[in-house]
Amino acid sequence: MKIKLFILTLLSVLQLVAQKQNFRSKSEIGVMGGGSYYIGDLNQYNHFQNSNLGLGLVYKYNVNTRLAFRANAMFGSIEANDNQASNAVIVNRNLSFSSTIYEFAAGVEFSYLPFQIGNSKYFGTAYLLTEIGIFQMNPTADFNGDKIDLQSLGTEGQGTSLSSEAPYKKTQLTIPLGVGCKFAIGGRVTLSLEYGIRKTFTDYLDDVHANRYVNADDLAAINGPLSAELSNRSLDGSAYGKRGNATTKDWYVFYGAMFSIRLGGPRKCNMPR
């Protein structure tokens, strides 16, 4: 009776070890380094302009040779300045901003070709990435040598009788969409090159949304003189210029190279049917 119990216990332990090994064999953890930038009211068309350092930590679970579940935590910063524009109207607007971005997202990575680390037959492929996540932003502006948080100032009269808009949230929903290619290096390491654009549901990455300026005197009376000064910084002092584009949303991007390492030893993945 004791022998049977011992055998059953041993088989259970071996099964748990095998399951753990299977999980580790299909798991990767990696680091990503590259750049981040933004597309919006202060930079409508110039991809890669004002790129800053972007970093990330990535975990992947390879379901099979074509599909992986993925989660990543990203950090970067974005910025733009009207003084870099070629359009004189934009230069005259004279707005600028910078913001740190903290992002956490999870989703799926789909490979065009079968891919398996350590298998010389399936050593490289292009892939698509789609995720859903949240990010935190904090748009700021440089003013008289100080870095000023813009959200709390309500530079467009958000949350007051001057605007129909409520104060925007610093934490927002994001949908990362990416393309890339990856290659196995030896039996444990993968090198990936990736470009991922983030769809957002806010037009306030840069603190700019409204088409027109609100009345400076009214804004100063309600939100203070600093809010009015940072709302309209136009070089000619006009109160009738165009501030932003209320019909579009802002985007941001992470791109770069990623090195990931498989946590367990080799194990054959099931081929998708």
C-alpha atoms as a PDB file:
ATOM      1  CA  MET A   1       0.000   0.000   0.000  1.00  0.00           C
ATOM      2  CA  LYS A   2       2.869   2.343   0.912  1.00  0.00           C
ATOM      3  CA  ILE A   3       4.660   1.472  -2.352  1.00  0.00           C
ATOM      4  CA  LYS A   4       1.566   2.363  -4.389  1.00  0.00           C
ATOM      5  CA  LEU A   5       1.225   5.654  -2.508  1.00  0.00           C
ATOM      6  CA  PHE A   6       4.909   6.416  -3.111  1.00  0.00           C
ATOM      7  CA  ILE A   7       4.567   5.679  -6.841  1.00  0.00           C
ATOM      8  CA  LEU A   8       1.449   7.837  -7.146  1.00  0.00           C
ATOM      9  CA  THR A   9       3.196  10.686  -5.288  1.00  0.00           C
ATOM     10  CA  LEU A  10       6.285  10.380  -7.486  1.00  0.00           C
ATOM     11  CA  LEU A  11       4.198  10.430 -10.671  1.00  0.00           C
ATOM     12  CA  SER A  12       2.346  13.523  -9.447  1.00  0.00           C
ATOM     13  CA  VAL A  13       5.614  15.331  -8.716  1.00  0.00           C
ATOM     14  CA  LEU A  14       7.045  14.390 -12.122  1.00  0.00           C
ATOM     15  CA  GLN A  15       3.889  15.655 -13.801  1.00  0.00           C
ATOM     16  CA  LEU A  16       4.143  18.998 -11.989  1.00  0.00           C
ATOM     17  CA  VAL A  17       7.823  19.307 -12.936  1.00  0.00           C
ATOM     18  CA  ALA A  18       6.988  18.528 -16.553  1.00  0.00           C
ATOM     19  CA  GLN A  19       4.253  21.145 -16.580  1.00  0.00           C
ATOM     20  CA  LYS A  20       6.614  23.689 -15.025  1.00  0.00           C
ATOM     21  CA  GLN A  21       9.277  22.872 -17.583  1.00  0.00           C
ATOM     22  CA  ASN A  22       6.727  23.205 -20.378  1.00  0.00           C
ATOM     23  CA  PHE A  23       5.759  26.671 -19.076  1.00  0.00           C
ATOM     24  CA  ARG A  24       9.379  27.778 -18.741  1.00  0.00           C
ATOM     25  CA  SER A  25      10.282  26.387 -22.151  1.00  0.00           C
ATOM     26  CA  LYS A  26       7.556  28.420 -23.798  1.00  0.00           C
ATOM     27  CA  SER A  27       8.295  31.596 -21.827  1.00  0.00           C
ATOM     28  CA  GLU A  28      10.621  34.463 -22.758  1.00  0.00           C
ATOM     29  CA  ILE A  29      11.593  37.595 -20.912  1.00  0.00           C
ATOM     30  CA  GLY A  30      13.302  40.470 -22.647  1.00  0.00           C
ATOM     31  CA  VAL A  31      14.413  44.095 -22.635  1.00  0.00           C
ATOM     32  CA  MET A  32      13.726  46.639 -25.374  1.00  0.00           C
ATOM     33  CA  GLY A  33      15.660  49.790 -26.155  1.00  0.00           C
ATOM     34  CA  GLY A  34      15.023  52.391 -28.806  1.00  0.00           C
ATOM     35  CA  GLY A  35      13.025  55.573 -29.213  1.00  0.00           C
ATOM     36  CA  SER A  36       9.662  57.221 -28.595  1.00  0.00           C
ATOM     37  CA  TYR A  37       7.919  60.139 -30.288  1.00  0.00           C
ATOM     38  CA  TYR A  38       4.480  61.617 -30.835  1.00  0.00           C
ATOM     39  CA  ILE A  39       2.095  62.665 -33.628  1.00  0.00           C
ATOM     40  CA  GLY A  40      -0.504  65.314 -32.823  1.00  0.00           C
ATOM     41  CA  ASP A  41      -1.381  69.011 -32.990  1.00  0.00           C
ATOM     42  CA  LEU A  42       2.235  70.137 -32.501  1.00  0.00           C
ATOM     43  CA  ASN A  43       3.715  67.543 -34.867  1.00  0.00           C
ATOM     44  CA  GLN A  44       1.203  66.382 -37.439  1.00  0.00           C
ATOM     45  CA  TYR A  45       3.319  64.661 -40.071  1.00  0.00           C
ATOM     46  CA  ASN A  46       6.989  64.280 -39.086  1.00  0.00           C
ATOM     47  CA  HIS A  47       7.599  60.724 -37.950  1.00  0.00           C
ATOM     48  CA  PHE A  48      10.683  60.186 -35.751  1.00  0.00           C
ATOM     49  CA  GLN A  49      11.007  63.942 -35.107  1.00  0.00           C
ATOM     50  CA  ASN A  50      12.071  64.727 -31.532  1.00  0.00           C
ATOM     51  CA  SER A  51      12.600  61.055 -30.741  1.00  0.00           C
ATOM     52  CA  ASN A  52      13.667  60.375 -27.175  1.00  0.00           C
ATOM     53  CA  LEU A  53      14.937  57.278 -25.414  1.00  0.00           C
ATOM     54  CA  GLY A  54      12.310  54.543 -25.050  1.00  0.00           C
ATOM     55  CA  LEU A  55      12.787  51.471 -22.832  1.00  0.00           C
ATOM     56  CA  GLY A  56      10.719  48.406 -22.046  1.00  0.00           C
ATOM     57  CA  LEU A  57      10.426  45.045 -20.302  1.00  0.00           C
ATOM     58  CA  VAL A  58       8.637  42.270 -22.205  1.00  0.00           C
ATOM     59  CA  TYR A  59       7.267  38.845 -21.291  1.00  0.00           C
ATOM     60  CA  LYS A  60       6.085  36.358 -23.932  1.00  0.00           C
ATOM     61  CA  TYR A  61       4.423  32.953 -23.702  1.00  0.00           C
ATOM     62  CA  ASN A  62       4.721  31.045 -26.972  1.00  0.00           C
ATOM     63  CA  VAL A  63       1.489  29.106 -27.424  1.00  0.00           C
ATOM     64  CA  ASN A  64       2.852  27.531 -30.613  1.00  0.00           C
ATOM     65  CA  THR A  65       5.229  28.438 -33.432  1.00  0.00           C
ATOM     66  CA  ARG A  66       2.889  31.112 -34.802  1.00  0.00           C
ATOM     67  CA  LEU A  67       1.155  32.638 -31.774  1.00  0.00           C
ATOM     68  CA  ALA A  68       2.423  34.172 -28.528  1.00  0.00           C
ATOM     69  CA  PHE A  69       0.722  35.946 -25.652  1.00  0.00           C
ATOM     70  CA  ARG A  70       2.658  39.023 -24.628  1.00  0.00           C
ATOM     71  CA  ALA A  71       2.783  41.665 -21.891  1.00  0.00           C
ATOM     72  CA  ASN A  72       5.065  44.676 -21.784  1.00  0.00           C
ATOM     73  CA  ALA A  73       5.848  47.668 -19.593  1.00  0.00           C
ATOM     74  CA  MET A  74       7.219  50.659 -21.510  1.00  0.00           C
ATOM     75  CA  PHE A  75       8.733  53.984 -20.548  1.00  0.00           C
ATOM     76  CA  GLY A  76       9.611  56.945 -22.757  1.00  0.00           C
ATOM     77  CA  SER A  77       9.170  60.647 -23.289  1.00  0.00           C
ATOM     78  CA  ILE A  78       7.629  62.726 -26.059  1.00  0.00           C
ATOM     79  CA  GLU A  79       7.930  66.374 -27.010  1.00  0.00           C
ATOM     80  CA  ALA A  80       7.286  68.934 -29.731  1.00  0.00           C
ATOM     81  CA  ASN A  81       7.924  72.625 -30.339  1.00  0.00           C
ATOM     82  CA  ASP A  82       6.262  74.962 -32.825  1.00  0.00           C
ATOM     83  CA  ASN A  83       9.550  76.754 -33.475  1.00  0.00           C
ATOM     84  CA  GLN A  84      10.642  73.722 -35.526  1.00  0.00           C
ATOM     85  CA  ALA A  85       7.748  74.037 -37.984  1.00  0.00           C
ATOM     86  CA  SER A  86       8.164  75.214 -41.590  1.00  0.00           C
ATOM     87  CA  ASN A  87       4.724  76.867 -41.594  1.00  0.00           C
ATOM     88  CA  ALA A  88       4.857  80.498 -40.410  1.00  0.00           C
ATOM     89  CA  VAL A  89       1.378  80.245 -38.879  1.00  0.00           C
ATOM     90  CA  ILE A  90       2.476  77.323 -36.706  1.00  0.00           C
ATOM     91  CA  VAL A  91       5.712  79.065 -35.718  1.00  0.00           C
ATOM     92  CA  ASN A  92       3.666  82.091 -34.642  1.00  0.00           C
ATOM     93  CA  ARG A  93       1.466  79.866 -32.433  1.00  0.00           C
ATOM     94  CA  ASN A  94       4.623  79.241 -30.370  1.00  0.00           C
ATOM     95  CA  LEU A  95       3.361  76.306 -28.280  1.00  0.00           C
ATOM     96  CA  SER A  96       5.556  73.516 -26.933  1.00  0.00           C
ATOM     97  CA  PHE A  97       5.277  70.580 -24.549  1.00  0.00           C
ATOM     98  CA  SER A  98       6.991  67.500 -23.188  1.00  0.00           C
ATOM     99  CA  SER A  99       5.597  64.485 -21.368  1.00  0.00           C
ATOM    100  CA  THR A 100       6.777  61.235 -19.849  1.00  0.00           C
ATOM    101  CA  ILE A 101       4.867  58.123 -20.900  1.00  0.00           C
ATOM    102  CA  TYR A 102       4.415  55.041 -18.699  1.00  0.00           C
ATOM    103  CA  GLU A 103       2.597  52.196 -20.425  1.00  0.00           C
ATOM    104  CA  PHE A 104       1.459  48.685 -19.538  1.00  0.00           C
ATOM    105  CA  ALA A 105      -0.186  46.566 -22.230  1.00  0.00           C
ATOM    106  CA  ALA A 106      -0.914  42.939 -23.090  1.00  0.00           C
ATOM    107  CA  GLY A 107      -2.056  41.136 -26.226  1.00  0.00           C
ATOM    108  CA  VAL A 108      -0.959  38.728 -28.931  1.00  0.00           C
ATOM    109  CA  GLU A 109       1.993  38.479 -31.291  1.00  0.00           C
ATOM    110  CA  PHE A 110       1.288  36.623 -34.553  1.00  0.00           C
ATOM    111  CA  SER A 111       4.185  35.350 -36.680  1.00  0.00           C
ATOM    112  CA  TYR A 112       3.930  35.228 -40.473  1.00  0.00           C
ATOM    113  CA  LEU A 113       6.125  32.111 -40.534  1.00  0.00           C
ATOM    114  CA  PRO A 114       6.622  29.363 -37.946  1.00  0.00           C
ATOM    115  CA  PHE A 115       9.234  30.431 -35.394  1.00  0.00           C
ATOM    116  CA  GLN A 116      10.969  28.376 -32.718  1.00  0.00           C
ATOM    117  CA  ILE A 117      14.071  29.254 -30.729  1.00  0.00           C
ATOM    118  CA  GLY A 118      16.793  26.662 -31.221  1.00  0.00           C
ATOM    119  CA  ASN A 119      15.219  25.204 -34.354  1.00  0.00           C
ATOM    120  CA  SER A 120      17.355  25.996 -37.412  1.00  0.00           C
ATOM    121  CA  LYS A 121      14.357  25.368 -39.682  1.00  0.00           C
ATOM    122  CA  TYR A 122      12.236  28.078 -38.002  1.00  0.00           C
ATOM    123  CA  PHE A 123      14.885  30.659 -37.071  1.00  0.00           C
ATOM    124  CA  GLY A 124      13.274  33.902 -38.288  1.00  0.00           C
ATOM    125  CA  THR A 125       9.998  35.574 -39.209  1.00  0.00           C
ATOM    126  CA  ALA A 126       8.127  38.858 -39.492  1.00  0.00           C
ATOM    127  CA  TYR A 127       5.264  39.382 -37.032  1.00  0.00           C
ATOM    128  CA  LEU A 128       2.260  41.525 -36.142  1.00  0.00           C
ATOM    129  CA  LEU A 129       1.448  42.800 -32.657  1.00  0.00           C
ATOM    130  CA  THR A 130      -1.909  43.913 -31.272  1.00  0.00           C
ATOM    131  CA  GLU A 131      -2.511  44.787 -27.619  1.00  0.00           C
ATOM    132  CA  ILE A 132      -4.681  46.776 -25.275  1.00  0.00           C
ATOM    133  CA  GLY A 133      -3.377  48.684 -22.304  1.00  0.00           C
ATOM    134  CA  ILE A 134      -3.222  51.835 -20.225  1.00  0.00           C
ATOM    135  CA  PHE A 135      -0.717  54.654 -20.168  1.00  0.00           C
ATOM    136  CA  GLN A 136       0.009  57.654 -18.003  1.00  0.00           C
ATOM    137  CA  MET A 137       0.999  61.052 -19.363  1.00  0.00           C
ATOM    138  CA  ASN A 138       1.835  64.411 -17.823  1.00  0.00           C
ATOM    139  CA  PRO A 139       2.156  67.243 -20.383  1.00  0.00           C
ATOM    140  CA  THR A 140       4.404  70.071 -19.213  1.00  0.00           C
ATOM    141  CA  ALA A 141       5.733  73.306 -20.689  1.00  0.00           C
ATOM    142  CA  ASP A 142       8.905  75.289 -20.025  1.00  0.00           C
ATOM    143  CA  PHE A 143       8.064  78.787 -18.799  1.00  0.00           C
ATOM    144  CA  ASN A 144      10.607  81.282 -17.467  1.00  0.00           C
ATOM    145  CA  GLY A 145      13.028  78.473 -16.699  1.00  0.00           C
ATOM    146  CA  ASP A 146      10.473  76.309 -14.867  1.00  0.00           C
ATOM    147  CA  LYS A 147       8.716  73.155 -15.981  1.00  0.00           C
ATOM    148  CA  ILE A 148       4.981  73.702 -15.498  1.00  0.00           C
ATOM    149  CA  ASP A 149       2.358  70.929 -15.272  1.00  0.00           C
ATOM    150  CA  LEU A 150      -0.356  71.883 -17.749  1.00  0.00           C
ATOM    151  CA  GLN A 151      -3.262  69.588 -16.910  1.00  0.00           C
ATOM    152  CA  SER A 152      -4.091  71.282 -13.596  1.00  0.00           C
ATOM    153  CA  LEU A 153      -4.070  74.744 -15.222  1.00  0.00           C
ATOM    154  CA  GLY A 154      -6.960  74.073 -17.606  1.00  0.00           C
ATOM    155  CA  THR A 155      -5.382  76.116 -20.403  1.00  0.00           C
ATOM    156  CA  GLU A 156      -8.491  75.742 -22.579  1.00  0.00           C
ATOM    157  CA  GLY A 157     -10.942  76.383 -19.741  1.00  0.00           C
ATOM    158  CA  GLN A 158     -11.724  72.693 -19.231  1.00  0.00           C
ATOM    159  CA  GLY A 159     -14.190  72.169 -16.416  1.00  0.00           C
ATOM    160  CA  THR A 160     -15.360  75.786 -16.436  1.00  0.00           C
ATOM    161  CA  SER A 161     -18.091  77.776 -18.151  1.00  0.00           C
ATOM    162  CA  LEU A 162     -15.544  78.690 -20.848  1.00  0.00           C
ATOM    163  CA  SER A 163     -15.480  75.166 -22.309  1.00  0.00           C
ATOM    164  CA  SER A 164     -17.737  72.177 -22.811  1.00  0.00           C
ATOM    165  CA  GLU A 165     -14.782  69.866 -22.110  1.00  0.00           C
ATOM    166  CA  ALA A 166     -14.130  68.286 -18.724  1.00  0.00           C
ATOM    167  CA  PRO A 167     -10.569  68.214 -17.337  1.00  0.00           C
ATOM    168  CA  TYR A 168      -8.714  65.408 -19.095  1.00  0.00           C
ATOM    169  CA  LYS A 169      -7.342  62.382 -17.293  1.00  0.00           C
ATOM    170  CA  LYS A 170      -3.617  61.695 -17.090  1.00  0.00           C
ATOM    171  CA  THR A 171      -4.279  57.936 -17.241  1.00  0.00           C
ATOM    172  CA  GLN A 172      -5.761  56.798 -20.535  1.00  0.00           C
ATOM    173  CA  LEU A 173      -6.579  53.734 -22.634  1.00  0.00           C
ATOM    174  CA  THR A 174      -4.223  52.770 -25.470  1.00  0.00           C
ATOM    175  CA  ILE A 175      -4.188  50.203 -28.290  1.00  0.00           C
ATOM    176  CA  PRO A 176      -0.626  49.353 -29.355  1.00  0.00           C
ATOM    177  CA  LEU A 177      -0.342  48.112 -32.953  1.00  0.00           C
ATOM    178  CA  GLY A 178       3.047  46.912 -34.131  1.00  0.00           C
ATOM    179  CA  VAL A 179       5.074  45.217 -36.837  1.00  0.00           C
ATOM    180  CA  GLY A 180       8.453  43.599 -36.485  1.00  0.00           C
ATOM    181  CA  CYS A 181      10.861  40.860 -37.370  1.00  0.00           C
ATOM    182  CA  LYS A 182      12.687  38.448 -35.094  1.00  0.00           C
ATOM    183  CA  PHE A 183      15.597  36.045 -35.363  1.00  0.00           C
ATOM    184  CA  ALA A 184      16.813  33.268 -33.093  1.00  0.00           C
ATOM    185  CA  ILE A 185      20.393  33.598 -31.858  1.00  0.00           C
ATOM    186  CA  GLY A 186      21.604  30.233 -30.636  1.00  0.00           C
ATOM    187  CA  GLY A 187      19.323  28.051 -28.579  1.00  0.00           C
ATOM    188  CA  ARG A 188      18.013  30.562 -26.030  1.00  0.00           C
ATOM    189  CA  VAL A 189      18.083  34.144 -27.344  1.00  0.00           C
ATOM    190  CA  THR A 190      15.859  36.073 -29.776  1.00  0.00           C
ATOM    191  CA  LEU A 191      16.642  39.429 -31.395  1.00  0.00           C
ATOM    192  CA  SER A 192      13.564  41.449 -32.466  1.00  0.00           C
ATOM    193  CA  LEU A 193      13.270  44.730 -34.337  1.00  0.00           C
ATOM    194  CA  GLU A 194       9.911  46.406 -33.740  1.00  0.00           C
ATOM    195  CA  TYR A 195       7.893  49.518 -34.579  1.00  0.00           C
ATOM    196  CA  GLY A 196       4.708  50.044 -32.588  1.00  0.00           C
ATOM    197  CA  ILE A 197       2.272  52.930 -32.954  1.00  0.00           C
ATOM    198  CA  ARG A 198      -0.205  53.600 -30.157  1.00  0.00           C
ATOM    199  CA  LYS A 199      -3.785  54.599 -30.852  1.00  0.00           C
ATOM    200  CA  THR A 200      -5.118  56.759 -28.048  1.00  0.00           C
ATOM    201  CA  PHE A 201      -8.564  58.109 -27.253  1.00  0.00           C
ATOM    202  CA  THR A 202      -7.389  61.526 -26.125  1.00  0.00           C
ATOM    203  CA  ASP A 203      -6.342  64.727 -27.892  1.00  0.00           C
ATOM    204  CA  TYR A 204      -4.460  66.017 -24.862  1.00  0.00           C
ATOM    205  CA  LEU A 205      -1.055  64.336 -25.043  1.00  0.00           C
ATOM    206  CA  ASP A 206       0.197  67.840 -25.861  1.00  0.00           C
ATOM    207  CA  ASP A 207      -2.451  69.724 -23.801  1.00  0.00           C
ATOM    208  CA  VAL A 208      -3.821  71.108 -27.100  1.00  0.00           C
ATOM    209  CA  HIS A 209      -7.323  70.313 -28.351  1.00  0.00           C
ATOM    210  CA  ALA A 210      -9.607  73.326 -28.922  1.00  0.00           C
ATOM    211  CA  ASN A 211      -9.711  75.036 -32.295  1.00  0.00           C
ATOM    212  CA  ARG A 212      -9.664  78.539 -30.813  1.00  0.00           C
ATOM    213  CA  TYR A 213      -8.307  80.328 -27.763  1.00  0.00           C
ATOM    214  CA  VAL A 214     -10.643  81.173 -24.916  1.00  0.00           C
ATOM    215  CA  ASN A 215     -10.821  84.777 -23.719  1.00  0.00           C
ATOM    216  CA  ALA A 216      -7.599  85.453 -21.841  1.00  0.00           C
ATOM    217  CA  ASP A 217      -9.140  87.805 -19.266  1.00  0.00           C
ATOM    218  CA  ASP A 218     -11.935  85.359 -18.455  1.00  0.00           C
ATOM    219  CA  LEU A 219      -9.493  82.458 -18.204  1.00  0.00           C
ATOM    220  CA  ALA A 220      -7.176  84.439 -15.928  1.00  0.00           C
ATOM    221  CA  ALA A 221     -10.097  85.358 -13.674  1.00  0.00           C
ATOM    222  CA  ILE A 222     -11.167  81.718 -13.288  1.00  0.00           C
ATOM    223  CA  ASN A 223      -7.971  79.642 -13.532  1.00  0.00           C
ATOM    224  CA  GLY A 224      -5.328  82.262 -12.820  1.00  0.00           C
ATOM    225  CA  PRO A 225      -2.940  84.369 -14.911  1.00  0.00           C
ATOM    226  CA  LEU A 226      -0.487  81.504 -15.508  1.00  0.00           C
ATOM    227  CA  SER A 227      -3.222  79.484 -17.225  1.00  0.00           C
ATOM    228  CA  ALA A 228      -3.969  82.427 -19.524  1.00  0.00           C
ATOM    229  CA  GLU A 229      -0.287  83.004 -20.337  1.00  0.00           C
ATOM    230  CA  LEU A 230       0.315  79.353 -21.271  1.00  0.00           C
ATOM    231  CA  SER A 231      -2.938  79.101 -23.208  1.00  0.00           C
ATOM    232  CA  ASN A 232      -1.993  81.730 -25.790  1.00  0.00           C
ATOM    233  CA  ARG A 233       1.748  82.155 -26.357  1.00  0.00           C
ATOM    234  CA  SER A 234       1.452  83.443 -29.927  1.00  0.00           C
ATOM    235  CA  LEU A 235       4.297  85.692 -31.021  1.00  0.00           C
ATOM    236  CA  ASP A 236       1.966  88.367 -32.396  1.00  0.00           C
ATOM    237  CA  GLY A 237      -0.312  88.283 -29.341  1.00  0.00           C
ATOM    238  CA  SER A 238      -3.405  87.616 -31.451  1.00  0.00           C
ATOM    239  CA  ALA A 239      -6.427  86.211 -29.648  1.00  0.00           C
ATOM    240  CA  TYR A 240      -7.973  84.954 -32.868  1.00  0.00           C
ATOM    241  CA  GLY A 241      -5.420  82.442 -34.145  1.00  0.00           C
ATOM    242  CA  LYS A 242      -5.931  78.683 -34.463  1.00  0.00           C
ATOM    243  CA  ARG A 243      -4.849  76.732 -31.359  1.00  0.00           C
ATOM    244  CA  GLY A 244      -5.481  73.059 -32.214  1.00  0.00           C
ATOM    245  CA  ASN A 245      -7.594  70.565 -34.133  1.00  0.00           C
ATOM    246  CA  ALA A 246     -10.526  69.221 -32.140  1.00  0.00           C
ATOM    247  CA  THR A 247     -11.414  66.594 -34.776  1.00  0.00           C
ATOM    248  CA  THR A 248      -8.320  64.392 -34.328  1.00  0.00           C
ATOM    249  CA  LYS A 249      -6.713  62.314 -31.579  1.00  0.00           C
ATOM    250  CA  ASP A 250      -3.039  62.102 -30.647  1.00  0.00           C
ATOM    251  CA  TRP A 251      -0.716  59.121 -31.197  1.00  0.00           C
ATOM    252  CA  TYR A 252       2.617  58.057 -29.758  1.00  0.00           C
ATOM    253  CA  VAL A 253       5.202  55.495 -30.848  1.00  0.00           C
ATOM    254  CA  PHE A 254       7.743  53.105 -29.366  1.00  0.00           C
ATOM    255  CA  TYR A 255      10.333  51.532 -31.656  1.00  0.00           C
ATOM    256  CA  GLY A 256      13.642  49.728 -31.257  1.00  0.00           C
ATOM    257  CA  ALA A 257      15.443  46.436 -30.722  1.00  0.00           C
ATOM    258  CA  MET A 258      14.591  43.744 -28.187  1.00  0.00           C
ATOM    259  CA  PHE A 259      16.690  40.912 -26.796  1.00  0.00           C
ATOM    260  CA  SER A 260      14.722  38.140 -25.095  1.00  0.00           C
ATOM    261  CA  ILE A 261      15.836  34.890 -23.508  1.00  0.00           C
ATOM    262  CA  ARG A 262      13.879  31.670 -23.139  1.00  0.00           C
ATOM    263  CA  LEU A 263      13.498  30.735 -19.468  1.00  0.00           C
ATOM    264  CA  GLY A 264      13.536  26.953 -19.896  1.00  0.00           C
ATOM    265  CA  GLY A 265      15.284  24.329 -21.992  1.00  0.00           C
ATOM    266  CA  PRO A 266      14.207  23.329 -25.503  1.00  0.00           C
ATOM    267  CA  ARG A 267      10.821  21.746 -26.006  1.00  0.00           C
ATOM    268  CA  LYS A 268       8.950  21.159 -29.222  1.00  0.00           C
ATOM    269  CA  CYS A 269       5.982  23.443 -29.766  1.00  0.00           C
ATOM    270  CA  ASN A 270       2.838  22.111 -31.312  1.00  0.00           C
ATOM    271  CA  MET A 271       2.561  23.158 -34.948  1.00  0.00           C
ATOM    272  CA  PRO A 272      -0.623  25.169 -35.613  1.00  0.00           C
ATOM    273  CA  ARG A 273      -3.164  23.562 -37.856  1.00  0.00           C
END
